[in-house]
PDB file of N, CA and C in Angstrom:
ATOM      1  N   MET A   1     135.035  74.283  58.196  1.00  0.00           N
ATOM      2  CA  MET A   1     136.415  74.678  58.377  1.00  0.00           C
ATOM      3  C   MET A   1     137.233  74.176  57.197  1.00  0.00           C
ATOM      4  N   ILE A   2     138.201  74.970  56.821  1.00  0.00           N
ATOM      5  CA  ILE A   2     139.157  74.540  55.805  1.00  0.00           C
ATOM      6  C   ILE A   2     140.517  74.396  56.474  1.00  0.00           C
ATOM      7  N   ILE A   3     141.312  73.484  55.971  1.00  0.00           N
ATOM      8  CA  ILE A   3     142.630  73.223  56.543  1.00  0.00           C
ATOM      9  C   ILE A   3     143.682  73.889  55.670  1.00  0.00           C
ATOM     10  N   LEU A   4     144.471  74.760  56.274  1.00  0.00           N
ATOM     11  CA  LEU A   4     145.557  75.463  55.598  1.00  0.00           C
ATOM     12  C   LEU A   4     146.861  75.161  56.327  1.00  0.00           C
ATOM     13  N   THR A   5     147.987  75.423  55.671  1.00  0.00           N
ATOM     14  CA  THR A   5     149.297  75.134  56.253  1.00  0.00           C
ATOM     15  C   THR A   5     150.066  76.430  56.457  1.00  0.00           C
ATOM     16  N   ARG A   6     150.468  76.691  57.693  1.00  0.00           N
ATOM     17  CA  ARG A   6     151.249  77.901  57.986  1.00  0.00           C
ATOM     18  C   ARG A   6     152.593  77.832  57.270  1.00  0.00           C
ATOM     19  N   LEU A   7     152.989  78.946  56.694  1.00  0.00           N
ATOM     20  CA  LEU A   7     154.278  79.037  56.022  1.00  0.00           C
ATOM     21  C   LEU A   7     155.375  79.072  57.080  1.00  0.00           C
ATOM     22  N   GLY A   8     156.439  78.339  56.860  1.00  0.00           N
ATOM     23  CA  GLY A   8     157.558  78.342  57.789  1.00  0.00           C
ATOM     24  C   GLY A   8     157.615  77.109  58.639  1.00  0.00           C
ATOM     25  N   ASN A   9     156.601  76.908  59.497  1.00  0.00           N
ATOM     26  CA  ASN A   9     156.652  75.760  60.398  1.00  0.00           C
ATOM     27  C   ASN A   9     155.829  74.570  59.913  1.00  0.00           C
ATOM     28  N   GLY A  10     155.025  74.737  58.863  1.00  0.00           N
ATOM     29  CA  GLY A  10     154.264  73.632  58.283  1.00  0.00           C
ATOM     30  C   GLY A  10     153.138  73.103  59.136  1.00  0.00           C
ATOM     31  N   ILE A  11     152.730  73.853  60.153  1.00  0.00           N
ATOM     32  CA  ILE A  11     151.647  73.417  61.035  1.00  0.00           C
ATOM     33  C   ILE A  11     150.297  73.651  60.339  1.00  0.00           C
ATOM     34  N   ALA A  12     149.455  72.618  60.374  1.00  0.00           N
ATOM     35  CA  ALA A  12     148.120  72.731  59.797  1.00  0.00           C
ATOM     36  C   ALA A  12     147.236  73.547  60.731  1.00  0.00           C
ATOM     37  N   VAL A  13     146.423  74.401  60.152  1.00  0.00           N
ATOM     38  CA  VAL A  13     145.514  75.234  60.930  1.00  0.00           C
ATOM     39  C   VAL A  13     144.130  75.181  60.266  1.00  0.00           C
ATOM     40  N   ALA A  14     143.096  75.009  61.089  1.00  0.00           N
ATOM     41  CA  ALA A  14     141.720  74.994  60.593  1.00  0.00           C
ATOM     42  C   ALA A  14     141.170  76.414  60.686  1.00  0.00           C
ATOM     43  N   VAL A  15     140.626  76.891  59.580  1.00  0.00           N
ATOM     44  CA  VAL A  15     140.124  78.259  59.510  1.00  0.00           C
ATOM     45  C   VAL A  15     138.656  78.231  59.100  1.00  0.00           C
ATOM     46  N   ASN A  16     137.852  79.020  59.802  1.00  0.00           N
ATOM     47  CA  ASN A  16     136.450  79.178  59.434  1.00  0.00           C
ATOM     48  C   ASN A  16     136.387  80.178  58.272  1.00  0.00           C
ATOM     49  N   PRO A  17     135.981  79.746  57.068  1.00  0.00           N
ATOM     50  CA  PRO A  17     135.951  80.651  55.921  1.00  0.00           C
ATOM     51  C   PRO A  17     135.055  81.869  56.117  1.00  0.00           C
ATOM     52  N   ASP A  18     134.067  81.772  57.000  1.00  0.00           N
ATOM     53  CA  ASP A  18     133.198  82.921  57.262  1.00  0.00           C
ATOM     54  C   ASP A  18     133.958  84.056  57.939  1.00  0.00           C
ATOM     55  N   LEU A  19     135.105  83.757  58.531  1.00  0.00           N
ATOM     56  CA  LEU A  19     135.882  84.774  59.232  1.00  0.00           C
ATOM     57  C   LEU A  19     137.003  85.368  58.385  1.00  0.00           C
ATOM     58  N   ILE A  20     137.107  84.935  57.128  1.00  0.00           N
ATOM     59  CA  ILE A  20     138.134  85.486  56.242  1.00  0.00           C
ATOM     60  C   ILE A  20     137.625  86.793  55.652  1.00  0.00           C
ATOM     61  N   GLU A  21     138.382  87.866  55.904  1.00  0.00           N
ATOM     62  CA  GLU A  21     138.040  89.164  55.312  1.00  0.00           C
ATOM     63  C   GLU A  21     138.616  89.264  53.909  1.00  0.00           C
ATOM     64  N   ARG A  22     139.887  88.872  53.765  1.00  0.00           N
ATOM     65  CA  ARG A  22     140.509  88.907  52.442  1.00  0.00           C
ATOM     66  C   ARG A  22     141.705  87.959  52.412  1.00  0.00           C
ATOM     67  N   ALA A  23     142.117  87.627  51.202  1.00  0.00           N
ATOM     68  CA  ALA A  23     143.299  86.801  50.965  1.00  0.00           C
ATOM     69  C   ALA A  23     144.107  87.488  49.875  1.00  0.00           C
ATOM     70  N   GLU A  24     145.406  87.591  50.105  1.00  0.00           N
ATOM     71  CA  GLU A  24     146.286  88.289  49.162  1.00  0.00           C
ATOM     72  C   GLU A  24     147.497  87.433  48.837  1.00  0.00           C
ATOM     73  N   ALA A  25     147.988  87.563  47.611  1.00  0.00           N
ATOM     74  CA  ALA A  25     149.243  86.927  47.214  1.00  0.00           C
ATOM     75  C   ALA A  25     150.283  88.039  47.145  1.00  0.00           C
ATOM     76  N   THR A  26     151.227  88.066  48.101  1.00  0.00           N
ATOM     77  CA  THR A  26     152.130  89.229  48.234  1.00  0.00           C
ATOM     78  C   THR A  26     153.614  88.904  48.321  1.00  0.00           C
ATOM     79  N   PRO A  27     154.327  88.050  47.743  1.00  0.00           N
ATOM     80  CA  PRO A  27     153.947  86.901  46.923  1.00  0.00           C
ATOM     81  C   PRO A  27     153.464  85.717  47.750  1.00  0.00           C
ATOM     82  N   ASP A  28     153.776  85.684  49.067  1.00  0.00           N
ATOM     83  CA  ASP A  28     153.202  84.627  49.903  1.00  0.00           C
ATOM     84  C   ASP A  28     151.716  84.915  50.090  1.00  0.00           C
ATOM     85  N   THR A  29     150.953  83.867  50.320  1.00  0.00           N
ATOM     86  CA  THR A  29     149.517  84.059  50.531  1.00  0.00           C
ATOM     87  C   THR A  29     149.281  84.490  51.972  1.00  0.00           C
ATOM     88  N   VAL A  30     148.611  85.634  52.127  1.00  0.00           N
ATOM     89  CA  VAL A  30     148.296  86.179  53.445  1.00  0.00           C
ATOM     90  C   VAL A  30     146.780  86.230  53.593  1.00  0.00           C
ATOM     91  N   ILE A  31     146.288  85.566  54.622  1.00  0.00           N
ATOM     92  CA  ILE A  31     144.860  85.573  54.942  1.00  0.00           C
ATOM     93  C   ILE A  31     144.646  86.567  56.073  1.00  0.00           C
ATOM     94  N   THR A  32     143.746  87.514  55.877  1.00  0.00           N
ATOM     95  CA  THR A  32     143.386  88.459  56.932  1.00  0.00           C
ATOM     96  C   THR A  32     141.992  88.106  57.420  1.00  0.00           C
ATOM     97  N   LEU A  33     141.875  87.874  58.713  1.00  0.00           N
ATOM     98  CA  LEU A  33     140.583  87.536  59.303  1.00  0.00           C
ATOM     99  C   LEU A  33     139.843  88.807  59.696  1.00  0.00           C
ATOM    100  N   VAL A  34     138.554  88.706  59.944  1.00  0.00           N
ATOM    101  CA  VAL A  34     137.745  89.874  60.265  1.00  0.00           C
ATOM    102  C   VAL A  34     138.200  90.578  61.536  1.00  0.00           C
ATOM    103  N   ASP A  35     138.879  89.855  62.430  1.00  0.00           N
ATOM    104  CA  ASP A  35     139.356  90.481  63.666  1.00  0.00           C
ATOM    105  C   ASP A  35     140.754  91.094  63.512  1.00  0.00           C
ATOM    106  N   GLY A  36     141.296  91.057  62.284  1.00  0.00           N
ATOM    107  CA  GLY A  36     142.587  91.674  62.021  1.00  0.00           C
ATOM    108  C   GLY A  36     143.771  90.727  62.062  1.00  0.00           C
ATOM    109  N   HIS A  37     143.598  89.517  62.587  1.00  0.00           N
ATOM    110  CA  HIS A  37     144.688  88.544  62.609  1.00  0.00           C
ATOM    111  C   HIS A  37     145.077  88.170  61.180  1.00  0.00           C
ATOM    112  N   LYS A  38     146.366  87.949  60.986  1.00  0.00           N
ATOM    113  CA  LYS A  38     146.859  87.559  59.676  1.00  0.00           C
ATOM    114  C   LYS A  38     147.527  86.200  59.758  1.00  0.00           C
ATOM    115  N   LEU A  39     147.315  85.394  58.735  1.00  0.00           N
ATOM    116  CA  LEU A  39     147.947  84.088  58.616  1.00  0.00           C
ATOM    117  C   LEU A  39     148.719  84.072  57.301  1.00  0.00           C
ATOM    118  N   VAL A  40     149.988  83.715  57.358  1.00  0.00           N
ATOM    119  CA  VAL A  40     150.780  83.530  56.144  1.00  0.00           C
ATOM    120  C   VAL A  40     150.801  82.031  55.898  1.00  0.00           C
ATOM    121  N   ILE A  41     150.309  81.617  54.744  1.00  0.00           N
ATOM    122  CA  ILE A  41     150.123  80.192  54.484  1.00  0.00           C
ATOM    123  C   ILE A  41     150.867  79.739  53.233  1.00  0.00           C
ATOM    124  N   GLU A  42     151.073  78.426  53.146  1.00  0.00           N
ATOM    125  CA  GLU A  42     151.782  77.832  52.023  1.00  0.00           C
ATOM    126  C   GLU A  42     150.926  77.755  50.759  1.00  0.00           C
ATOM    127  N   GLU A  43     149.624  77.534  50.906  1.00  0.00           N
ATOM    128  CA  GLU A  43     148.748  77.330  49.753  1.00  0.00           C
ATOM    129  C   GLU A  43     148.682  78.591  48.903  1.00  0.00           C
ATOM    130  N   PRO A  44     148.713  78.430  47.573  1.00  0.00           N
ATOM    131  CA  PRO A  44     148.558  79.593  46.693  1.00  0.00           C
ATOM    132  C   PRO A  44     147.121  80.132  46.751  1.00  0.00           C
ATOM    133  N   LEU A  45     146.962  81.379  46.391  1.00  0.00           N
ATOM    134  CA  LEU A  45     145.658  82.045  46.454  1.00  0.00           C
ATOM    135  C   LEU A  45     144.557  81.292  45.704  1.00  0.00           C
ATOM    136  N   PRO A  46     144.786  80.815  44.484  1.00  0.00           N
ATOM    137  CA  PRO A  46     143.712  80.069  43.795  1.00  0.00           C
ATOM    138  C   PRO A  46     143.266  78.824  44.566  1.00  0.00           C
ATOM    139  N   ARG A  47     144.175  78.162  45.256  1.00  0.00           N
ATOM    140  CA  ARG A  47     143.818  76.985  46.054  1.00  0.00           C
ATOM    141  C   ARG A  47     142.941  77.379  47.239  1.00  0.00           C
ATOM    142  N   VAL A  48     143.235  78.514  47.865  1.00  0.00           N
ATOM    143  CA  VAL A  48     142.414  79.002  48.983  1.00  0.00           C
ATOM    144  C   VAL A  48     141.004  79.293  48.493  1.00  0.00           C
ATOM    145  N   VAL A  49     140.896  79.952  47.351  1.00  0.00           N
ATOM    146  CA  VAL A  49     139.583  80.255  46.780  1.00  0.00           C
ATOM    147  C   VAL A  49     138.823  78.957  46.495  1.00  0.00           C
ATOM    148  N   GLU A  50     139.516  77.969  45.931  1.00  0.00           N
ATOM    149  CA  GLU A  50     138.896  76.680  45.647  1.00  0.00           C
ATOM    150  C   GLU A  50     138.399  75.998  46.925  1.00  0.00           C
ATOM    151  N   LEU A  51     139.210  76.019  47.973  1.00  0.00           N
ATOM    152  CA  LEU A  51     138.809  75.413  49.243  1.00  0.00           C
ATOM    153  C   LEU A  51     137.578  76.092  49.832  1.00  0.00           C
ATOM    154  N   VAL A  52     137.539  77.422  49.786  1.00  0.00           N
ATOM    155  CA  VAL A  52     136.401  78.165  50.332  1.00  0.00           C
ATOM    156  C   VAL A  52     135.142  77.877  49.518  1.00  0.00           C
ATOM    157  N   ARG A  53     135.263  77.871  48.193  1.00  0.00           N
ATOM    158  CA  ARG A  53     134.095  77.604  47.344  1.00  0.00           C
ATOM    159  C   ARG A  53     133.561  76.192  47.575  1.00  0.00           C
ATOM    160  N   THR A  54     134.457  75.223  47.688  1.00  0.00           N
ATOM    161  CA  THR A  54     134.050  73.838  47.937  1.00  0.00           C
ATOM    162  C   THR A  54     133.362  73.721  49.285  1.00  0.00           C
ATOM    163  N   TRP A  55     133.912  74.392  50.303  1.00  0.00           N
ATOM    164  CA  TRP A  55     133.320  74.352  51.633  1.00  0.00           C
ATOM    165  C   TRP A  55     131.918  74.960  51.614  1.00  0.00           C
ATOM    166  N   ARG A  56     131.779  76.125  50.976  1.00  0.00           N
ATOM    167  CA  ARG A  56     130.462  76.778  50.921  1.00  0.00           C
ATOM    168  C   ARG A  56     129.441  75.915  50.173  1.00  0.00           C
ATOM    169  N   ALA A  57     129.860  75.298  49.085  1.00  0.00           N
ATOM    170  CA  ALA A  57     128.960  74.432  48.321  1.00  0.00           C
ATOM    171  C   ALA A  57     128.514  73.244  49.166  1.00  0.00           C
ATOM    172  N   SER A  58     129.425  72.689  49.965  1.00  0.00           N
ATOM    173  CA  SER A  58     129.061  71.542  50.804  1.00  0.00           C
ATOM    174  C   SER A  58     128.081  71.947  51.896  1.00  0.00           C
ATOM    175  N   VAL A  59     128.247  73.141  52.443  1.00  0.00           N
ATOM    176  CA  VAL A  59     127.322  73.628  53.475  1.00  0.00           C
ATOM    177  C   VAL A  59     125.932  73.830  52.873  1.00  0.00           C
ATOM    178  N   ALA A  60     125.854  74.436  51.698  1.00  0.00           N
ATOM    179  CA  ALA A  60     124.564  74.658  51.045  1.00  0.00           C
ATOM    180  C   ALA A  60     123.903  73.331  50.689  1.00  0.00           C
ATOM    181  N   ALA A  61     124.673  72.386  50.160  1.00  0.00           N
ATOM    182  CA  ALA A  61     124.127  71.083  49.791  1.00  0.00           C
ATOM    183  C   ALA A  61     123.586  70.345  51.011  1.00  0.00           C
ATOM    184  N   GLU A  62     124.319  70.414  52.115  1.00  0.00           N
ATOM    185  CA  GLU A  62     123.857  69.741  53.328  1.00  0.00           C
ATOM    186  C   GLU A  62     122.588  70.392  53.869  1.00  0.00           C
ATOM    187  N   ALA A  63     122.505  71.715  53.813  1.00  0.00           N
ATOM    188  CA  ALA A  63     121.308  72.417  54.281  1.00  0.00           C
ATOM    189  C   ALA A  63     120.093  72.027  53.449  1.00  0.00           C
ATOM    190  N   ILE A  64     120.266  71.932  52.145  1.00  0.00           N
ATOM    191  CA  ILE A  64     119.156  71.543  51.273  1.00  0.00           C
ATOM    192  C   ILE A  64     118.753  70.102  51.552  1.00  0.00           C
ATOM    193  N   THR A  65     119.729  69.226  51.718  1.00  0.00           N
ATOM    194  CA  THR A  65     119.434  67.825  52.017  1.00  0.00           C
ATOM    195  C   THR A  65     118.682  67.691  53.333  1.00  0.00           C
ATOM    196  N   LEU A  66     119.139  68.407  54.355  1.00  0.00           N
ATOM    197  CA  LEU A  66     118.465  68.342  55.651  1.00  0.00           C
ATOM    198  C   LEU A  66     117.042  68.875  55.562  1.00  0.00           C
ATOM    199  N   ALA A  67     116.849  69.959  54.809  1.00  0.00           N
ATOM    200  CA  ALA A  67     115.511  70.522  54.663  1.00  0.00           C
ATOM    201  C   ALA A  67     114.605  69.574  53.886  1.00  0.00           C
ATOM    202  N   ARG A  68     115.150  68.966  52.868  1.00  0.00           N
ATOM    203  CA  ARG A  68     114.350  68.089  52.013  1.00  0.00           C
ATOM    204  C   ARG A  68     114.034  66.761  52.683  1.00  0.00           C
ATOM    205  N   TYR A  69     115.004  66.203  53.398  1.00  0.00           N
ATOM    206  CA  TYR A  69     114.828  64.864  53.955  1.00  0.00           C
ATOM    207  C   TYR A  69     114.662  64.870  55.465  1.00  0.00           C
ATOM    208  N   GLY A  70     114.392  65.988  56.052  1.00  0.00           N
ATOM    209  CA  GLY A  70     114.073  66.050  57.471  1.00  0.00           C
ATOM    210  C   GLY A  70     115.183  65.586  58.387  1.00  0.00           C
ATOM    211  N   GLY A  71     116.439  65.779  57.980  1.00  0.00           N
ATOM    212  CA  GLY A  71     117.555  65.426  58.839  1.00  0.00           C
ATOM    213  C   GLY A  71     117.952  63.968  58.771  1.00  0.00           C
ATOM    214  N   ASP A  72     117.304  63.179  57.908  1.00  0.00           N
ATOM    215  CA  ASP A  72     117.625  61.764  57.799  1.00  0.00           C
ATOM    216  C   ASP A  72     117.867  61.428  56.334  1.00  0.00           C
ATOM    217  N   ALA A  73     118.966  61.938  55.780  1.00  0.00           N
ATOM    218  CA  ALA A  73     119.264  61.751  54.369  1.00  0.00           C
ATOM    219  C   ALA A  73     119.526  60.297  54.023  1.00  0.00           C
ATOM    220  N   GLY A  74     119.853  59.481  54.992  1.00  0.00           N
ATOM    221  CA  GLY A  74     120.131  58.077  54.740  1.00  0.00           C
ATOM    222  C   GLY A  74     118.941  57.312  54.185  1.00  0.00           C
ATOM    223  N   THR A  75     117.728  57.750  54.470  1.00  0.00           N
ATOM    224  CA  THR A  75     116.549  57.051  53.985  1.00  0.00           C
ATOM    225  C   THR A  75     116.158  57.505  52.592  1.00  0.00           C
ATOM    226  N   LEU A  76     116.661  58.659  52.155  1.00  0.00           N
ATOM    227  CA  LEU A  76     116.355  59.217  50.836  1.00  0.00           C
ATOM    228  C   LEU A  76     114.861  59.344  50.597  1.00  0.00           C
ATOM    229  N   ARG A  77     114.148  59.735  51.639  1.00  0.00           N
ATOM    230  CA  ARG A  77     112.718  60.021  51.516  1.00  0.00           C
ATOM    231  C   ARG A  77     112.469  61.414  52.071  1.00  0.00           C
ATOM    232  N   PRO A  78     111.585  62.186  51.443  1.00  0.00           N
ATOM    233  CA  PRO A  78     111.274  63.512  51.974  1.00  0.00           C
ATOM    234  C   PRO A  78     110.697  63.429  53.377  1.00  0.00           C
ATOM    235  N   ALA A  79     110.868  64.492  54.141  1.00  0.00           N
ATOM    236  CA  ALA A  79     110.369  64.541  55.515  1.00  0.00           C
ATOM    237  C   ALA A  79     108.869  64.287  55.561  1.00  0.00           C
ATOM    238  N   SER A  80     108.121  64.829  54.589  1.00  0.00           N
ATOM    239  CA  SER A  80     106.676  64.631  54.597  1.00  0.00           C
ATOM    240  C   SER A  80     106.318  63.159  54.429  1.00  0.00           C
ATOM    241  N   GLU A  81     107.107  62.421  53.647  1.00  0.00           N
ATOM    242  CA  GLU A  81     106.847  60.991  53.465  1.00  0.00           C
ATOM    243  C   GLU A  81     107.236  60.210  54.706  1.00  0.00           C
ATOM    244  N   GLN A  82     108.293  60.630  55.384  1.00  0.00           N
ATOM    245  CA  GLN A  82     108.714  59.950  56.597  1.00  0.00           C
ATOM    246  C   GLN A  82     107.636  60.058  57.661  1.00  0.00           C
ATOM    247  N   GLU A  83     106.982  61.216  57.711  1.00  0.00           N
ATOM    248  CA  GLU A  83     105.954  61.428  58.720  1.00  0.00           C
ATOM    249  C   GLU A  83     104.645  60.749  58.332  1.00  0.00           C
ATOM    250  N   ALA A  84     104.205  60.979  57.093  1.00  0.00           N
ATOM    251  CA  ALA A  84     102.905  60.464  56.680  1.00  0.00           C
ATOM    252  C   ALA A  84     103.004  59.094  56.029  1.00  0.00           C
ATOM    253  N   GLY A  85     104.130  58.792  55.409  1.00  0.00           N
ATOM    254  CA  GLY A  85     104.308  57.518  54.762  1.00  0.00           C
ATOM    255  C   GLY A  85     103.588  57.400  53.437  1.00  0.00           C
ATOM    256  N   THR A  86     103.065  58.514  52.882  1.00  0.00           N
ATOM    257  CA  THR A  86     102.285  58.421  51.656  1.00  0.00           C
ATOM    258  C   THR A  86     102.799  59.290  50.516  1.00  0.00           C
ATOM    259  N   ALA A  87     103.443  60.379  50.793  1.00  0.00           N
ATOM    260  CA  ALA A  87     103.859  61.305  49.740  1.00  0.00           C
ATOM    261  C   ALA A  87     104.993  60.721  48.918  1.00  0.00           C
ATOM    262  N   SER A  88     104.994  61.044  47.635  1.00  0.00           N
ATOM    263  CA  SER A  88     106.105  60.616  46.786  1.00  0.00           C
ATOM    264  C   SER A  88     107.041  61.796  46.589  1.00  0.00           C
ATOM    265  N   MET A  89     108.258  61.504  46.112  1.00  0.00           N
ATOM    266  CA  MET A  89     109.220  62.576  45.901  1.00  0.00           C
ATOM    267  C   MET A  89     108.704  63.564  44.855  1.00  0.00           C
ATOM    268  N   ALA A  90     107.944  63.090  43.883  1.00  0.00           N
ATOM    269  CA  ALA A  90     107.426  63.971  42.845  1.00  0.00           C
ATOM    270  C   ALA A  90     106.412  64.968  43.413  1.00  0.00           C
ATOM    271  N   ASP A  91     105.758  64.599  44.516  1.00  0.00           N
ATOM    272  CA  ASP A  91     104.761  65.483  45.115  1.00  0.00           C
ATOM    273  C   ASP A  91     105.380  66.642  45.871  1.00  0.00           C
ATOM    274  N   ARG A  92     106.632  66.492  46.273  1.00  0.00           N
ATOM    275  CA  ARG A  92     107.289  67.512  47.096  1.00  0.00           C
ATOM    276  C   ARG A  92     108.091  68.448  46.209  1.00  0.00           C
ATOM    277  N   THR A  93     107.918  69.754  46.381  1.00  0.00           N
ATOM    278  CA  THR A  93     108.697  70.717  45.613  1.00  0.00           C
ATOM    279  C   THR A  93     109.699  71.392  46.511  1.00  0.00           C
ATOM    280  N   SER A  94     110.666  72.049  45.898  1.00  0.00           N
ATOM    281  CA  SER A  94     111.668  72.765  46.685  1.00  0.00           C
ATOM    282  C   SER A  94     111.039  73.924  47.438  1.00  0.00           C
ATOM    283  N   GLN A  95     109.846  74.357  47.034  1.00  0.00           N
ATOM    284  CA  GLN A  95     109.175  75.458  47.704  1.00  0.00           C
ATOM    285  C   GLN A  95     108.529  75.018  49.020  1.00  0.00           C
ATOM    286  N   ASP A  96     108.466  73.710  49.292  1.00  0.00           N
ATOM    287  CA  ASP A  96     107.870  73.204  50.526  1.00  0.00           C
ATOM    288  C   ASP A  96     108.705  73.520  51.754  1.00  0.00           C
ATOM    289  N   SER A  97     109.972  73.782  51.569  1.00  0.00           N
ATOM    290  CA  SER A  97     110.854  73.982  52.709  1.00  0.00           C
ATOM    291  C   SER A  97     111.261  75.441  52.831  1.00  0.00           C
ATOM    292  N   THR A  98     111.620  75.828  54.021  1.00  0.00           N
ATOM    293  CA  THR A  98     112.090  77.183  54.255  1.00  0.00           C
ATOM    294  C   THR A  98     113.335  77.463  53.447  1.00  0.00           C
ATOM    295  N   ILE A  99     114.263  76.503  53.412  1.00  0.00           N
ATOM    296  CA  ILE A  99     115.500  76.718  52.672  1.00  0.00           C
ATOM    297  C   ILE A  99     115.211  76.906  51.186  1.00  0.00           C
ATOM    298  N   GLY A 100     114.207  76.218  50.665  1.00  0.00           N
ATOM    299  CA  GLY A 100     113.826  76.388  49.268  1.00  0.00           C
ATOM    300  C   GLY A 100     113.334  77.794  48.984  1.00  0.00           C
ATOM    301  N   ARG A 101     112.590  78.367  49.921  1.00  0.00           N
ATOM    302  CA  ARG A 101     112.113  79.733  49.738  1.00  0.00           C
ATOM    303  C   ARG A 101     113.249  80.734  49.883  1.00  0.00           C
ATOM    304  N   VAL A 102     114.161  80.509  50.826  1.00  0.00           N
ATOM    305  CA  VAL A 102     115.267  81.429  51.048  1.00  0.00           C
ATOM    306  C   VAL A 102     116.199  81.439  49.845  1.00  0.00           C
ATOM    307  N   LEU A 103     116.521  80.257  49.315  1.00  0.00           N
ATOM    308  CA  LEU A 103     117.435  80.166  48.182  1.00  0.00           C
ATOM    309  C   LEU A 103     116.735  80.413  46.848  1.00  0.00           C
ATOM    310  N   ARG A 104     115.413  80.571  46.878  1.00  0.00           N
ATOM    311  CA  ARG A 104     114.610  80.798  45.681  1.00  0.00           C
ATOM    312  C   ARG A 104     114.853  79.719  44.642  1.00  0.00           C
ATOM    313  N   LEU A 105     114.776  78.480  45.094  1.00  0.00           N
ATOM    314  CA  LEU A 105     114.961  77.359  44.199  1.00  0.00           C
ATOM    315  C   LEU A 105     113.720  77.189  43.341  1.00  0.00           C
ATOM    316  N   PRO A 106     113.905  76.815  42.083  1.00  0.00           N
ATOM    317  CA  PRO A 106     112.721  76.617  41.238  1.00  0.00           C
ATOM    318  C   PRO A 106     111.951  75.403  41.705  1.00  0.00           C
ATOM    319  N   SER A 107     110.628  75.474  41.618  1.00  0.00           N
ATOM    320  CA  SER A 107     109.820  74.328  42.025  1.00  0.00           C
ATOM    321  C   SER A 107     109.852  73.296  40.902  1.00  0.00           C
ATOM    322  N   ARG A 108     109.733  72.038  41.299  1.00  0.00           N
ATOM    323  CA  ARG A 108     109.678  70.947  40.308  1.00  0.00           C
ATOM    324  C   ARG A 108     108.228  70.754  39.912  1.00  0.00           C
ATOM    325  N   GLU A 109     107.968  70.815  38.637  1.00  0.00           N
ATOM    326  CA  GLU A 109     106.606  70.622  38.173  1.00  0.00           C
ATOM    327  C   GLU A 109     106.475  69.207  37.646  1.00  0.00           C
ATOM    328  N   VAL A 110     105.348  68.600  37.955  1.00  0.00           N
ATOM    329  CA  VAL A 110     105.134  67.191  37.584  1.00  0.00           C
ATOM    330  C   VAL A 110     104.214  67.123  36.405  1.00  0.00           C
TER     331      VAL A 110
END
């Protein structure tokens, strides 16, 4: 979710970026959601784009981290090492995980 501010009353509203159909500067920034609802917000259009891009990057980074470290990023060990206790990070490639195959990440060669 990204936090935007409604124009006029200054109330903060959390918006799911996946539900944004388009954003326009007319000159106020108007967000149109996929269901047709419109939000007039204080943030300029470039700021909205920046917020959405940052949010998407954080979601992708978290998905890769979870896939690589088996949901326990705090240990900074790959899931295969957590289970077997023997694999090193160099032994694990991005192709070992489903997310690595979906995102077509290059494999690390040792």
